[in-house]
Structure formats: structure tokens, C-alpha cells
Amino acid sequence: MTTNICEKLKNLFEKHTNYNSFACSAQNQYGLKLNIIQDGDSCYSDFKLDRMYTGFPNIIHGGIQATIIDEIGFWAMFNKYKTVGLTTKLSIEYLNKVEPEINLKALVTKIIKSDLDVNVEVHIKTNNLTLVVGSLTYKLISDILLKRYFGEKFYTEFIRIKNEYN
């Protein structure tokens, strides 16, 4: 029997120069500042959203909801497979409105790898009510492609941070 110990996610980009993620950086003054928790091979985040993130009156903008789903999905994928994947597909089902100033939880409910893709399902809930379901596909990329996409400086720093992560 395996016991999962929940702990704050080790965000490998926090130490990267100019890291300013809208979803999870504590340094982004306008960002969501999600506190992501590792739970075994999965991840979740408990949070409240301010009214500044609404679109329609008293409803959190759908793009903000999609951002949260992508962020939680990415970190669950990285946490489980220890490699980077780029989002190639995102499908969202908005089942119920997401209101500001309520307790919310985004959690991964499914994560499946096939060849170079990882499929992840993320739910945003309040209490036991599912508000939003997101299905994502990430294309895994090798460290060599990271170097080509982001340059030598990023690649070198990424490998150093990734080695600290393990």
C-alpha cells in the first residue's frame, strides 16, 4: 500500500530568471498565485478568485478557468513524467457558473500517457459540485527540443533546475 504525502509543488521555473507565470508565480502582481500541491502522481490547488477575474457579472471569465485547468494539468503531467509537454489540445465543458469569492478546488482526475502524448482531465469544483471539466493533451518534448525552442541559456538553466527537482 502506498501512502501519498501531499506537499507544495516544487516549481522548477521559480528559480528561472524572469519567471512571471500568470497562473502560479507569486511575483506576478496581477496573477492568480495558485498554490499547487503534489499528491502522489497528481496535483491540485485550493483557491478563491477575486472579482477582478470576472467576465459576465459575478462569473469568473472562461479564459481564466481554462488557464487554471491548463496550469494544474501541466504540473500533474510534469510531476508524474518529469518532462515538459506543450499543450496541443484543450477542451472545456462549462457545467456551472464559477463565482468569485468562493472556495474552489482544481484537481486532476485522470492522467494517461500514450507514446509522446499525455492526456489529462482536470475538474474545478466547489464543495462536491463539479463546475468545469477540462480535457488536455500535452505533446512531450525532449530536452534537446527545449534547447532549440527556448535557446541555450534557458536550456542550461532548465537542466540545472530539473536536476535539483529530482
Protein backbone atom coordinates (compact mmCIF):
# COMPACT_ATOMS: atom_id res chain seq x y z
CA MET A 1 0.00 0.00 0.00
CA THR A 2 1.37 3.41 -0.99
CA THR A 3 0.76 6.45 1.17
CA ASN A 4 0.63 9.76 -0.64
CA ILE A 5 2.25 12.66 1.14
CA CYS A 6 0.88 15.98 -0.03
CA GLU A 7 3.39 18.79 -0.33
CA LYS A 8 3.76 22.12 -2.08
CA LEU A 9 4.75 21.61 -5.70
CA LYS A 10 8.42 22.04 -6.49
CA ASN A 11 8.01 24.53 -9.31
CA LEU A 12 11.11 24.14 -11.46
CA PHE A 13 10.62 27.54 -13.07
CA GLU A 14 10.52 29.60 -9.85
CA LYS A 15 14.31 29.88 -9.89
CA HIS A 16 14.41 30.83 -13.57
CA THR A 17 15.32 34.39 -14.40
CA ASN A 18 12.27 36.47 -15.40
CA TYR A 19 9.76 33.80 -14.29
CA ASN A 20 6.38 35.55 -14.18
CA SER A 21 3.68 32.92 -14.72
CA PHE A 22 0.20 34.43 -14.65
CA ALA A 23 -1.16 31.26 -13.04
CA CYS A 24 1.34 30.35 -10.32
CA SER A 25 4.11 32.91 -9.87
CA ALA A 26 3.97 34.73 -6.54
CA GLN A 27 5.81 37.61 -8.27
CA ASN A 28 3.10 38.42 -10.85
CA GLN A 29 1.11 41.26 -9.28
CA TYR A 30 -1.95 40.55 -11.46
CA GLY A 31 -1.63 36.78 -11.42
CA LEU A 32 -3.67 34.04 -9.80
CA LYS A 33 -0.82 32.94 -7.49
CA LEU A 34 -2.11 29.36 -7.38
CA ASN A 35 -0.60 27.29 -4.61
CA ILE A 36 -0.26 23.90 -6.29
CA ILE A 37 0.02 20.79 -4.14
CA GLN A 38 1.58 17.49 -5.22
CA ASP A 39 -0.45 14.46 -4.21
CA GLY A 40 1.39 11.35 -5.35
CA ASP A 41 1.43 11.47 -9.16
CA SER A 42 -1.26 14.14 -9.24
CA CYS A 43 -1.76 17.80 -8.32
CA TYR A 44 -4.47 20.07 -7.01
CA SER A 45 -4.97 23.64 -5.85
CA ASP A 46 -7.43 25.17 -3.41
CA PHE A 47 -8.14 28.83 -4.13
CA LYS A 48 -10.57 31.75 -4.29
CA LEU A 49 -10.78 34.15 -7.21
CA ASP A 50 -11.28 37.87 -6.85
CA ARG A 51 -13.94 39.82 -8.75
CA MET A 52 -11.19 41.29 -10.93
CA TYR A 53 -11.23 37.97 -12.86
CA THR A 54 -14.91 38.12 -13.84
CA GLY A 55 -16.28 38.43 -17.37
CA PHE A 56 -20.05 38.45 -17.08
CA PRO A 57 -21.27 39.94 -13.79
CA ASN A 58 -20.44 37.61 -10.92
CA ILE A 59 -18.97 34.88 -13.19
CA ILE A 60 -15.25 34.14 -13.48
CA HIS A 61 -14.13 34.61 -17.09
CA GLY A 62 -13.97 31.33 -19.03
CA GLY A 63 -10.41 32.08 -20.15
CA ILE A 64 -9.29 32.32 -16.52
CA GLN A 65 -10.95 28.97 -15.83
CA ALA A 66 -9.15 27.46 -18.84
CA THR A 67 -5.83 28.90 -17.61
CA ILE A 68 -6.28 27.22 -14.24
CA ILE A 69 -7.12 23.89 -15.87
CA ASP A 70 -4.06 24.09 -18.13
CA GLU A 71 -1.76 25.01 -15.23
CA ILE A 72 -2.91 22.21 -12.94
CA GLY A 73 -2.82 19.74 -15.85
CA PHE A 74 0.72 20.77 -16.83
CA TRP A 75 2.11 20.35 -13.34
CA ALA A 76 0.44 16.96 -12.85
CA MET A 77 1.95 15.84 -16.18
CA PHE A 78 5.38 17.18 -15.23
CA ASN A 79 5.18 15.80 -11.70
CA LYS A 80 4.39 12.30 -12.98
CA TYR A 81 6.68 12.09 -16.03
CA LYS A 82 9.45 14.62 -15.15
CA THR A 83 9.48 16.11 -18.61
CA VAL A 84 7.97 19.11 -20.36
CA GLY A 85 4.95 18.90 -22.60
CA LEU A 86 3.33 21.62 -24.65
CA THR A 87 -0.44 21.97 -24.71
CA THR A 88 -1.73 20.86 -28.10
CA LYS A 89 -5.40 20.44 -27.27
CA LEU A 90 -7.73 21.89 -24.65
CA SER A 91 -11.43 21.14 -24.40
CA ILE A 92 -13.58 22.72 -21.71
CA GLU A 93 -17.08 21.87 -20.51
CA TYR A 94 -18.53 24.74 -18.51
CA LEU A 95 -21.15 22.88 -16.47
CA ASN A 96 -21.99 25.51 -13.85
CA LYS A 97 -21.02 29.11 -13.28
CA VAL A 98 -17.86 29.82 -11.32
CA GLU A 99 -18.45 32.72 -8.98
CA PRO A 100 -15.82 34.94 -7.37
CA GLU A 101 -15.00 34.80 -3.66
CA ILE A 102 -15.99 31.15 -3.13
CA ASN A 103 -13.77 28.23 -2.15
CA LEU A 104 -12.69 26.33 -5.25
CA LYS A 105 -10.54 23.30 -5.93
CA ALA A 106 -8.90 22.37 -9.23
CA LEU A 107 -7.78 18.76 -9.30
CA VAL A 108 -6.54 16.21 -11.77
CA THR A 109 -8.90 13.25 -12.07
CA LYS A 110 -7.14 11.35 -14.85
CA ILE A 111 -3.67 11.28 -16.39
CA ILE A 112 -2.76 8.83 -19.17
CA LYS A 113 0.39 8.65 -21.31
CA SER A 114 0.42 7.24 -24.84
CA ASP A 115 3.56 7.50 -26.99
CA LEU A 116 4.56 11.18 -26.91
CA ASP A 117 1.21 12.48 -25.65
CA VAL A 118 -0.19 12.82 -22.16
CA ASN A 119 -3.94 13.21 -21.72
CA VAL A 120 -5.10 14.88 -18.54
CA GLU A 121 -8.53 15.61 -17.12
CA VAL A 122 -8.96 18.43 -14.62
CA HIS A 123 -12.07 19.41 -12.66
CA ILE A 124 -12.83 22.70 -10.94
CA LYS A 125 -15.17 22.08 -8.02
CA THR A 126 -16.80 23.80 -5.10
CA ASN A 127 -17.77 21.52 -2.25
CA ASN A 128 -18.82 18.35 -4.11
CA LEU A 129 -20.21 20.15 -7.16
CA THR A 130 -18.19 19.96 -10.40
CA LEU A 131 -18.32 23.33 -12.12
CA VAL A 132 -15.90 22.82 -15.01
CA VAL A 133 -14.24 19.83 -16.69
CA GLY A 134 -11.17 20.28 -18.85
CA SER A 135 -9.55 17.69 -21.10
CA LEU A 136 -6.00 18.42 -22.23
CA THR A 137 -3.40 16.84 -24.45
CA TYR A 138 0.27 17.64 -23.95
CA LYS A 139 2.90 16.75 -26.54
CA LEU A 140 6.03 15.66 -24.69
CA ILE A 141 9.19 17.31 -25.93
CA SER A 142 12.75 16.20 -25.36
CA ASP A 143 15.30 18.30 -23.54
CA ILE A 144 17.05 18.78 -26.92
CA LEU A 145 13.91 20.35 -28.40
CA LEU A 146 13.66 22.59 -25.34
CA LYS A 147 17.11 23.90 -26.22
CA ARG A 148 16.03 24.58 -29.80
CA TYR A 149 12.70 26.23 -28.82
CA PHE A 150 13.93 28.36 -25.93
CA GLY A 151 17.65 28.79 -26.50
CA GLU A 152 20.88 27.73 -24.83
CA LYS A 153 20.55 29.96 -21.75
CA PHE A 154 17.07 28.70 -20.88
CA TYR A 155 18.04 25.09 -21.61
CA THR A 156 21.12 25.21 -19.36
CA GLU A 157 19.18 26.78 -16.52
CA PHE A 158 16.26 24.36 -17.01
CA ILE A 159 18.53 21.29 -16.81
CA ARG A 160 20.19 22.65 -13.67
CA ILE A 161 16.81 23.29 -12.02
CA LYS A 162 15.37 19.96 -13.22
CA ASN A 163 18.32 18.13 -11.65
CA GLU A 164 17.63 19.94 -8.36
CA TYR A 165 13.96 18.91 -8.65
CA ASN A 166 14.73 15.18 -8.69
